[in-house]
Each structure stands twice: as C-alpha cells, then as structure tokens.
Amino acid sequence: MAMGVGGSKGGAMSEINMTPMIDVLLVLLIIFMVVQQGLQRGLSVQVPPPKEKEEIAQKPPDDQQIVLEVEPGPKYFVNRQEVEPANLENFLRETFAQRIRKVIFVKGAENLSYGEVVRAVDASRAADITLVGLVPRPEQGPATAAPAP
C-alpha cells in the first residue's frame, strides 16, 4: 500500500494505490482457474443417439457379448451364470484370457446401491478388461411404468 506525498495543502495524501491490489486479484483468479481444471473428475461416457438406442433394444443379444449382472446381496451373474463375489475377478480374467476384444457390459438391478455397481466395474478393470459399458435401464413410458409404492 503506497501513499502519495504532497497535495494541494502540502500534506500527505491518504489514497490507496489500487494497482498492486488488482494485480494480486488477477493472479489469484488465474491460479483458481488453473486449479479448477485439475479438480474436475469423472468418467468419459459414450451415449448413443436416441435412434440407435431403439435399434439396439430391438436387436437380439450377440453370443460374443458378455454381460455382468449385479443383483443385491451382492450376487454376480456372467451371462446368467452365477459367480461367487470373491472369485469374480479371477473368473473374468479366465473368461477374457483368450479374447482379443475385451469388452464387458455391466447391468445393475433396480434397487442396487451405487457402490455395488462400482465394485463390479472395479473387478472388471482389475481383470484387464479394456472397455466396460454400463447397460441403461429400459425407458419406462406410461404403459410400462412401475406402480408407485
């Protein structure tokens, strides 16, 4: 903070020099903008356009696709074959050992907690599966909507 000397009466001026304060403010603004970019977290998600979603729902499932279903408890089913939770990672590693394309789809039950789905995704990634897809819930229109409790 600087003070000017002199003035109309010859005494000290008590005006604050704003230039250093503005410089500090701009530096802080730049620092916060850079730090904010580093704090952003998330998953990259590829969502198909609505037309493709309808076409995919009508297609029969491919024999080469592997779907990991997660039920409460937690219970795990790989293509409808039950797998013990402790053995999930090893089972997936053995299943994908000979496959070139390492893609799995994770489907969670309706009343499942977020953490149980994350455990299934983590086990898939630990089994060296390169692409983990999440199966969305079917859209519920007025005819297919679940009754309110």
N, C-alpha and C. Protein backbone atom coordinates (compact mmCIF):
# COMPACT_ATOMS: atom_id res chain seq x y z
N MET A 1 0.85 -1.15 0.00
CA MET A 1 0.00 0.00 0.00
C MET A 1 0.91 1.22 0.00
N ALA A 2 0.71 2.06 -1.01
CA ALA A 2 1.55 3.24 -1.14
C ALA A 2 0.72 4.48 -0.84
N MET A 3 1.43 5.49 -0.42
CA MET A 3 0.75 6.75 -0.13
C MET A 3 1.44 7.84 -0.95
N GLY A 4 0.65 8.70 -1.48
CA GLY A 4 1.21 9.81 -2.24
C GLY A 4 1.66 10.93 -1.30
N VAL A 5 2.68 11.63 -1.70
CA VAL A 5 3.17 12.74 -0.89
C VAL A 5 2.81 14.04 -1.60
N GLY A 6 2.40 14.96 -0.86
CA GLY A 6 2.05 16.25 -1.44
C GLY A 6 0.56 16.40 -1.54
N GLY A 7 0.13 17.27 -2.31
CA GLY A 7 -1.28 17.53 -2.48
C GLY A 7 -1.49 19.02 -2.55
N SER A 8 -2.72 19.46 -2.51
CA SER A 8 -2.99 20.89 -2.63
C SER A 8 -2.58 21.65 -1.37
N LYS A 9 -2.60 21.00 -0.21
CA LYS A 9 -2.25 21.67 1.03
C LYS A 9 -0.83 21.35 1.48
N GLY A 10 -0.12 20.50 0.70
CA GLY A 10 1.26 20.21 1.05
C GLY A 10 1.42 19.08 2.04
N GLY A 11 0.33 18.39 2.49
CA GLY A 11 0.42 17.29 3.44
C GLY A 11 0.40 15.94 2.74
N ALA A 12 0.43 14.89 3.50
CA ALA A 12 0.41 13.54 2.94
C ALA A 12 -1.00 13.20 2.46
N MET A 13 -1.05 12.49 1.32
CA MET A 13 -2.35 12.05 0.77
C MET A 13 -2.65 10.66 1.33
N SER A 14 -3.86 10.41 1.62
CA SER A 14 -4.22 9.11 2.18
C SER A 14 -5.01 8.26 1.19
N GLU A 15 -4.69 8.31 -0.08
CA GLU A 15 -5.36 7.49 -1.09
C GLU A 15 -4.62 6.17 -1.25
N ILE A 16 -5.37 5.08 -1.42
CA ILE A 16 -4.78 3.76 -1.60
C ILE A 16 -4.46 3.56 -3.08
N ASN A 17 -3.27 3.04 -3.33
CA ASN A 17 -2.87 2.73 -4.70
C ASN A 17 -3.50 1.38 -5.07
N MET A 18 -4.43 1.36 -6.00
CA MET A 18 -5.20 0.16 -6.33
C MET A 18 -4.47 -0.78 -7.28
N THR A 19 -3.43 -0.34 -7.96
CA THR A 19 -2.75 -1.17 -8.96
C THR A 19 -2.20 -2.47 -8.38
N PRO A 20 -1.48 -2.48 -7.25
CA PRO A 20 -0.99 -3.76 -6.72
C PRO A 20 -2.12 -4.68 -6.28
N MET A 21 -3.21 -4.12 -5.76
CA MET A 21 -4.33 -4.95 -5.33
C MET A 21 -4.99 -5.63 -6.52
N ILE A 22 -5.13 -4.93 -7.62
CA ILE A 22 -5.72 -5.51 -8.82
C ILE A 22 -4.80 -6.58 -9.40
N ASP A 23 -3.50 -6.35 -9.36
CA ASP A 23 -2.54 -7.36 -9.83
C ASP A 23 -2.65 -8.64 -9.02
N VAL A 24 -2.75 -8.53 -7.71
CA VAL A 24 -2.88 -9.71 -6.85
C VAL A 24 -4.20 -10.42 -7.15
N LEU A 25 -5.26 -9.68 -7.34
CA LEU A 25 -6.56 -10.26 -7.64
C LEU A 25 -6.53 -11.04 -8.96
N LEU A 26 -5.89 -10.48 -9.98
CA LEU A 26 -5.80 -11.17 -11.27
C LEU A 26 -4.96 -12.44 -11.17
N VAL A 27 -3.88 -12.40 -10.41
CA VAL A 27 -3.04 -13.60 -10.23
C VAL A 27 -3.84 -14.68 -9.51
N LEU A 28 -4.57 -14.32 -8.47
CA LEU A 28 -5.40 -15.30 -7.77
C LEU A 28 -6.48 -15.88 -8.68
N LEU A 29 -7.07 -15.05 -9.52
CA LEU A 29 -8.08 -15.53 -10.46
C LEU A 29 -7.49 -16.55 -11.43
N ILE A 30 -6.31 -16.28 -11.94
CA ILE A 30 -5.65 -17.22 -12.85
C ILE A 30 -5.30 -18.52 -12.13
N ILE A 31 -4.82 -18.43 -10.91
CA ILE A 31 -4.48 -19.64 -10.13
C ILE A 31 -5.74 -20.48 -9.91
N PHE A 32 -6.84 -19.87 -9.52
CA PHE A 32 -8.08 -20.62 -9.30
C PHE A 32 -8.60 -21.25 -10.59
N MET A 33 -8.44 -20.57 -11.71
CA MET A 33 -8.89 -21.13 -12.98
C MET A 33 -8.07 -22.36 -13.36
N VAL A 34 -6.76 -22.31 -13.14
CA VAL A 34 -5.90 -23.45 -13.47
C VAL A 34 -6.16 -24.62 -12.53
N VAL A 35 -6.31 -24.33 -11.24
CA VAL A 35 -6.56 -25.40 -10.27
C VAL A 35 -7.92 -26.05 -10.52
N GLN A 36 -8.92 -25.28 -10.92
CA GLN A 36 -10.25 -25.83 -11.18
C GLN A 36 -10.21 -26.89 -12.28
N GLN A 37 -9.40 -26.68 -13.30
CA GLN A 37 -9.29 -27.66 -14.38
C GLN A 37 -8.73 -28.99 -13.87
N GLY A 38 -7.82 -28.93 -12.91
CA GLY A 38 -7.24 -30.15 -12.36
C GLY A 38 -8.17 -30.88 -11.40
N LEU A 39 -9.14 -30.18 -10.83
CA LEU A 39 -10.05 -30.79 -9.87
C LEU A 39 -11.22 -31.53 -10.51
N GLN A 40 -11.44 -31.31 -11.79
CA GLN A 40 -12.58 -31.95 -12.44
C GLN A 40 -12.31 -33.44 -12.58
N ARG A 41 -13.27 -34.23 -12.09
CA ARG A 41 -13.16 -35.68 -12.16
C ARG A 41 -14.40 -36.22 -12.83
N GLY A 42 -14.28 -37.41 -13.34
CA GLY A 42 -15.45 -38.02 -13.95
C GLY A 42 -15.04 -39.15 -14.88
N LEU A 43 -16.02 -39.73 -15.48
CA LEU A 43 -15.81 -40.80 -16.43
C LEU A 43 -16.18 -40.30 -17.81
N SER A 44 -15.43 -40.74 -18.81
CA SER A 44 -15.84 -40.41 -20.16
C SER A 44 -16.90 -41.41 -20.58
N VAL A 45 -18.01 -40.90 -21.02
CA VAL A 45 -19.16 -41.74 -21.34
C VAL A 45 -19.55 -41.51 -22.79
N GLN A 46 -19.82 -42.59 -23.49
CA GLN A 46 -20.31 -42.51 -24.86
C GLN A 46 -21.77 -42.94 -24.85
N VAL A 47 -22.65 -42.02 -25.16
CA VAL A 47 -24.08 -42.30 -25.16
C VAL A 47 -24.55 -42.33 -26.60
N PRO A 48 -25.22 -43.41 -27.02
CA PRO A 48 -25.69 -43.45 -28.40
C PRO A 48 -26.85 -42.49 -28.61
N PRO A 49 -27.03 -42.03 -29.83
CA PRO A 49 -28.18 -41.17 -30.11
C PRO A 49 -29.48 -41.95 -29.88
N PRO A 50 -30.60 -41.25 -29.66
CA PRO A 50 -31.86 -41.95 -29.35
C PRO A 50 -32.29 -42.96 -30.40
N LYS A 51 -32.05 -42.70 -31.69
CA LYS A 51 -32.46 -43.65 -32.73
C LYS A 51 -31.71 -44.96 -32.59
N GLU A 52 -30.40 -44.88 -32.34
CA GLU A 52 -29.60 -46.09 -32.19
C GLU A 52 -30.00 -46.86 -30.94
N LYS A 53 -30.40 -46.16 -29.88
CA LYS A 53 -30.80 -46.83 -28.64
C LYS A 53 -32.01 -47.72 -28.90
N GLU A 54 -32.98 -47.24 -29.70
CA GLU A 54 -34.15 -48.05 -30.03
C GLU A 54 -33.76 -49.26 -30.86
N GLU A 55 -32.84 -49.08 -31.81
CA GLU A 55 -32.41 -50.19 -32.65
C GLU A 55 -31.66 -51.24 -31.83
N ILE A 56 -30.84 -50.80 -30.89
CA ILE A 56 -30.08 -51.72 -30.05
C ILE A 56 -31.03 -52.52 -29.17
N ALA A 57 -32.07 -51.89 -28.65
CA ALA A 57 -33.01 -52.59 -27.79
C ALA A 57 -33.77 -53.67 -28.56
N GLN A 58 -33.95 -53.49 -29.86
CA GLN A 58 -34.69 -54.46 -30.66
C GLN A 58 -33.80 -55.61 -31.13
N LYS A 59 -32.48 -55.43 -31.16
CA LYS A 59 -31.56 -56.47 -31.62
C LYS A 59 -31.47 -57.59 -30.59
N PRO A 60 -31.39 -58.84 -31.05
CA PRO A 60 -31.13 -59.92 -30.09
C PRO A 60 -29.69 -59.82 -29.59
N PRO A 61 -29.39 -60.22 -28.37
CA PRO A 61 -28.03 -60.11 -27.86
C PRO A 61 -27.07 -61.00 -28.64
N ASP A 62 -25.89 -60.51 -28.84
CA ASP A 62 -24.84 -61.23 -29.56
C ASP A 62 -24.25 -62.31 -28.65
N ASP A 63 -23.88 -63.45 -29.23
CA ASP A 63 -23.29 -64.53 -28.43
C ASP A 63 -21.91 -64.15 -27.90
N GLN A 64 -21.25 -63.22 -28.57
CA GLN A 64 -19.91 -62.83 -28.16
C GLN A 64 -19.92 -61.79 -27.04
N GLN A 65 -21.06 -61.18 -26.78
CA GLN A 65 -21.14 -60.17 -25.73
C GLN A 65 -21.21 -60.84 -24.36
N ILE A 66 -20.50 -60.26 -23.43
CA ILE A 66 -20.53 -60.76 -22.07
C ILE A 66 -21.17 -59.69 -21.20
N VAL A 67 -22.21 -60.10 -20.47
CA VAL A 67 -22.94 -59.18 -19.60
C VAL A 67 -22.75 -59.63 -18.16
N LEU A 68 -22.29 -58.71 -17.34
CA LEU A 68 -22.14 -58.95 -15.91
C LEU A 68 -23.32 -58.31 -15.21
N GLU A 69 -24.22 -59.14 -14.68
CA GLU A 69 -25.39 -58.64 -13.98
C GLU A 69 -25.10 -58.61 -12.48
N VAL A 70 -25.47 -57.52 -11.84
CA VAL A 70 -25.24 -57.35 -10.41
C VAL A 70 -26.60 -57.29 -9.72
N GLU A 71 -26.81 -58.19 -8.78
CA GLU A 71 -28.04 -58.25 -8.01
C GLU A 71 -27.73 -57.88 -6.56
N PRO A 72 -28.73 -57.47 -5.78
CA PRO A 72 -28.47 -57.14 -4.38
C PRO A 72 -27.94 -58.34 -3.62
N GLY A 73 -27.07 -58.06 -2.73
CA GLY A 73 -26.55 -59.15 -1.88
C GLY A 73 -25.07 -59.09 -1.62
N PRO A 74 -24.16 -58.82 -2.46
CA PRO A 74 -24.24 -58.76 -3.92
C PRO A 74 -24.12 -60.15 -4.52
N LYS A 75 -24.86 -60.36 -5.59
CA LYS A 75 -24.77 -61.58 -6.39
C LYS A 75 -24.36 -61.17 -7.79
N TYR A 76 -23.46 -61.93 -8.38
CA TYR A 76 -22.96 -61.61 -9.71
C TYR A 76 -23.30 -62.75 -10.66
N PHE A 77 -23.74 -62.39 -11.86
CA PHE A 77 -24.06 -63.35 -12.90
C PHE A 77 -23.35 -62.92 -14.18
N VAL A 78 -22.54 -63.81 -14.74
CA VAL A 78 -21.87 -63.53 -16.01
C VAL A 78 -22.61 -64.36 -17.05
N ASN A 79 -23.30 -63.66 -17.96
CA ASN A 79 -24.17 -64.32 -18.94
C ASN A 79 -25.08 -65.34 -18.27
N ARG A 80 -25.69 -64.93 -17.19
CA ARG A 80 -26.67 -65.70 -16.40
C ARG A 80 -26.07 -66.89 -15.64
N GLN A 81 -24.76 -66.97 -15.59
CA GLN A 81 -24.09 -68.00 -14.79
C GLN A 81 -23.62 -67.33 -13.50
N GLU A 82 -24.04 -67.86 -12.35
CA GLU A 82 -23.71 -67.23 -11.07
C GLU A 82 -22.22 -67.40 -10.76
N VAL A 83 -21.63 -66.33 -10.25
CA VAL A 83 -20.22 -66.31 -9.89
C VAL A 83 -20.12 -65.82 -8.45
N GLU A 84 -19.27 -66.47 -7.66
CA GLU A 84 -19.05 -66.05 -6.27
C GLU A 84 -18.39 -64.67 -6.25
N PRO A 85 -18.80 -63.79 -5.33
CA PRO A 85 -18.20 -62.44 -5.28
C PRO A 85 -16.68 -62.47 -5.07
N ALA A 86 -16.18 -63.40 -4.27
CA ALA A 86 -14.74 -63.47 -4.02
C ALA A 86 -13.97 -63.94 -5.26
N ASN A 87 -14.64 -64.66 -6.15
CA ASN A 87 -13.98 -65.24 -7.32
C ASN A 87 -14.27 -64.45 -8.60
N LEU A 88 -14.94 -63.31 -8.51
CA LEU A 88 -15.37 -62.58 -9.70
C LEU A 88 -14.19 -62.14 -10.57
N GLU A 89 -13.20 -61.52 -9.96
CA GLU A 89 -12.07 -61.02 -10.74
C GLU A 89 -11.34 -62.16 -11.46
N ASN A 90 -11.09 -63.26 -10.77
CA ASN A 90 -10.40 -64.40 -11.40
C ASN A 90 -11.25 -65.02 -12.50
N PHE A 91 -12.56 -65.12 -12.28
CA PHE A 91 -13.45 -65.67 -13.30
C PHE A 91 -13.42 -64.81 -14.56
N LEU A 92 -13.48 -63.48 -14.39
CA LEU A 92 -13.43 -62.59 -15.54
C LEU A 92 -12.08 -62.66 -16.24
N ARG A 93 -11.01 -62.76 -15.47
CA ARG A 93 -9.68 -62.86 -16.07
C ARG A 93 -9.56 -64.13 -16.93
N GLU A 94 -10.07 -65.26 -16.41
CA GLU A 94 -10.04 -66.51 -17.17
C GLU A 94 -10.94 -66.44 -18.40
N THR A 95 -12.10 -65.81 -18.26
CA THR A 95 -13.04 -65.71 -19.38
C THR A 95 -12.46 -64.88 -20.52
N PHE A 96 -11.76 -63.82 -20.19
CA PHE A 96 -11.24 -62.91 -21.20
C PHE A 96 -9.79 -63.22 -21.59
N ALA A 97 -9.20 -64.28 -21.07
CA ALA A 97 -7.80 -64.58 -21.36
C ALA A 97 -7.56 -64.82 -22.84
N GLN A 98 -8.44 -65.53 -23.52
CA GLN A 98 -8.25 -65.87 -24.92
C GLN A 98 -8.94 -64.91 -25.88
N ARG A 99 -9.62 -63.92 -25.36
CA ARG A 99 -10.36 -62.99 -26.22
C ARG A 99 -9.47 -61.84 -26.67
N ILE A 100 -9.66 -61.46 -27.90
CA ILE A 100 -8.93 -60.31 -28.43
C ILE A 100 -9.64 -59.02 -28.01
N ARG A 101 -10.96 -59.03 -28.16
CA ARG A 101 -11.77 -57.86 -27.83
C ARG A 101 -12.24 -57.99 -26.39
N LYS A 102 -11.73 -57.17 -25.53
CA LYS A 102 -12.03 -57.27 -24.09
C LYS A 102 -13.06 -56.21 -23.72
N VAL A 103 -14.34 -56.56 -23.96
CA VAL A 103 -15.45 -55.66 -23.71
C VAL A 103 -16.47 -56.39 -22.84
N ILE A 104 -16.95 -55.71 -21.80
CA ILE A 104 -17.97 -56.28 -20.92
C ILE A 104 -19.03 -55.22 -20.66
N PHE A 105 -20.26 -55.68 -20.46
CA PHE A 105 -21.36 -54.78 -20.14
C PHE A 105 -21.83 -55.10 -18.72
N VAL A 106 -21.96 -54.08 -17.90
CA VAL A 106 -22.39 -54.24 -16.52
C VAL A 106 -23.83 -53.76 -16.41
N LYS A 107 -24.69 -54.64 -15.88
CA LYS A 107 -26.11 -54.32 -15.74
C LYS A 107 -26.47 -54.43 -14.27
N GLY A 108 -26.92 -53.35 -13.69
CA GLY A 108 -27.28 -53.33 -12.27
C GLY A 108 -28.78 -53.48 -12.08
N ALA A 109 -29.18 -54.10 -10.99
CA ALA A 109 -30.60 -54.27 -10.66
C ALA A 109 -31.20 -52.93 -10.27
N GLU A 110 -32.51 -52.88 -10.24
CA GLU A 110 -33.23 -51.63 -9.97
C GLU A 110 -32.94 -51.07 -8.58
N ASN A 111 -32.93 -51.91 -7.55
CA ASN A 111 -32.78 -51.44 -6.18
C ASN A 111 -31.35 -51.65 -5.66
N LEU A 112 -30.38 -51.46 -6.51
CA LEU A 112 -28.98 -51.70 -6.19
C LEU A 112 -28.30 -50.39 -5.80
N SER A 113 -27.38 -50.48 -4.84
CA SER A 113 -26.64 -49.26 -4.46
C SER A 113 -25.53 -49.00 -5.48
N TYR A 114 -25.14 -47.75 -5.54
CA TYR A 114 -24.10 -47.32 -6.48
C TYR A 114 -22.78 -48.05 -6.21
N GLY A 115 -22.46 -48.26 -4.93
CA GLY A 115 -21.20 -48.89 -4.56
C GLY A 115 -21.07 -50.31 -5.07
N GLU A 116 -22.16 -51.05 -5.13
CA GLU A 116 -22.10 -52.42 -5.62
C GLU A 116 -21.81 -52.47 -7.11
N VAL A 117 -22.35 -51.53 -7.86
CA VAL A 117 -22.05 -51.45 -9.29
C VAL A 117 -20.59 -51.04 -9.49
N VAL A 118 -20.12 -50.12 -8.67
CA VAL A 118 -18.72 -49.68 -8.78
C VAL A 118 -17.77 -50.84 -8.48
N ARG A 119 -18.11 -51.69 -7.51
CA ARG A 119 -17.27 -52.86 -7.21
C ARG A 119 -17.19 -53.79 -8.41
N ALA A 120 -18.30 -53.96 -9.11
CA ALA A 120 -18.31 -54.81 -10.30
C ALA A 120 -17.45 -54.20 -11.41
N VAL A 121 -17.54 -52.90 -11.59
CA VAL A 121 -16.72 -52.23 -12.60
C VAL A 121 -15.25 -52.31 -12.22
N ASP A 122 -14.93 -52.13 -10.94
CA ASP A 122 -13.55 -52.22 -10.48
C ASP A 122 -12.99 -53.62 -10.68
N ALA A 123 -13.79 -54.64 -10.40
CA ALA A 123 -13.33 -56.02 -10.61
C ALA A 123 -13.09 -56.28 -12.09
N SER A 124 -13.92 -55.70 -12.95
CA SER A 124 -13.74 -55.85 -14.40
C SER A 124 -12.45 -55.18 -14.85
N ARG A 125 -12.21 -53.99 -14.36
CA ARG A 125 -10.98 -53.28 -14.75
C ARG A 125 -9.74 -53.98 -14.19
N ALA A 126 -9.85 -54.56 -13.00
CA ALA A 126 -8.73 -55.29 -12.42
C ALA A 126 -8.44 -56.57 -13.19
N ALA A 127 -9.44 -57.10 -13.90
CA ALA A 127 -9.26 -58.31 -14.71
C ALA A 127 -8.73 -57.97 -16.10
N ASP A 128 -8.22 -56.77 -16.29
CA ASP A 128 -7.62 -56.30 -17.55
C ASP A 128 -8.62 -56.21 -18.69
N ILE A 129 -9.87 -55.89 -18.39
CA ILE A 129 -10.86 -55.65 -19.43
C ILE A 129 -10.73 -54.19 -19.83
N THR A 130 -10.56 -53.96 -21.13
CA THR A 130 -10.25 -52.61 -21.60
C THR A 130 -11.46 -51.70 -21.70
N LEU A 131 -12.63 -52.25 -22.01
CA LEU A 131 -13.80 -51.41 -22.19
C LEU A 131 -14.95 -51.97 -21.36
N VAL A 132 -15.43 -51.16 -20.41
CA VAL A 132 -16.54 -51.55 -19.54
C VAL A 132 -17.71 -50.64 -19.87
N GLY A 133 -18.81 -51.25 -20.33
CA GLY A 133 -20.01 -50.49 -20.66
C GLY A 133 -21.08 -50.71 -19.62
N LEU A 134 -21.88 -49.68 -19.38
CA LEU A 134 -22.99 -49.79 -18.43
C LEU A 134 -24.29 -49.90 -19.22
N VAL A 135 -25.11 -50.88 -18.88
CA VAL A 135 -26.38 -51.08 -19.55
C VAL A 135 -27.41 -50.18 -18.88
N PRO A 136 -28.05 -49.29 -19.65
CA PRO A 136 -29.04 -48.40 -19.04
C PRO A 136 -30.34 -49.15 -18.75
N ARG A 137 -31.10 -48.60 -17.83
CA ARG A 137 -32.42 -49.15 -17.54
C ARG A 137 -33.31 -48.91 -18.74
N PRO A 138 -34.24 -49.81 -19.00
CA PRO A 138 -35.18 -49.54 -20.11
C PRO A 138 -36.05 -48.33 -19.77
N GLU A 139 -36.33 -47.57 -20.79
CA GLU A 139 -37.16 -46.38 -20.58
C GLU A 139 -38.57 -46.82 -20.21
N GLN A 140 -39.12 -46.18 -19.21
CA GLN A 140 -40.46 -46.54 -18.78
C GLN A 140 -41.43 -45.46 -19.21
N GLY A 141 -42.30 -45.84 -20.12
CA GLY A 141 -43.35 -44.92 -20.56
C GLY A 141 -44.57 -45.10 -19.69
N PRO A 142 -45.69 -44.50 -20.05
CA PRO A 142 -46.89 -44.63 -19.23
C PRO A 142 -47.39 -46.07 -19.14
N ALA A 143 -47.20 -46.87 -20.21
CA ALA A 143 -47.72 -48.24 -20.19
C ALA A 143 -46.83 -49.18 -19.39
N THR A 144 -45.50 -48.88 -19.33
CA THR A 144 -44.57 -49.79 -18.66
C THR A 144 -44.07 -49.25 -17.34
N ALA A 145 -44.58 -48.14 -16.90
CA ALA A 145 -44.09 -47.53 -15.65
C ALA A 145 -44.43 -48.42 -14.47
N ALA A 146 -43.50 -48.46 -13.54
CA ALA A 146 -43.70 -49.24 -12.32
C ALA A 146 -44.73 -48.53 -11.44
N PRO A 147 -45.57 -49.28 -10.75
CA PRO A 147 -46.56 -48.62 -9.88
C PRO A 147 -45.88 -47.93 -8.71
N ALA A 148 -46.43 -46.82 -8.33
CA ALA A 148 -45.87 -46.06 -7.20
C ALA A 148 -46.17 -46.78 -5.90
N PRO A 149 -45.20 -46.81 -4.95
CA PRO A 149 -45.44 -47.50 -3.68
C PRO A 149 -46.41 -46.77 -2.79
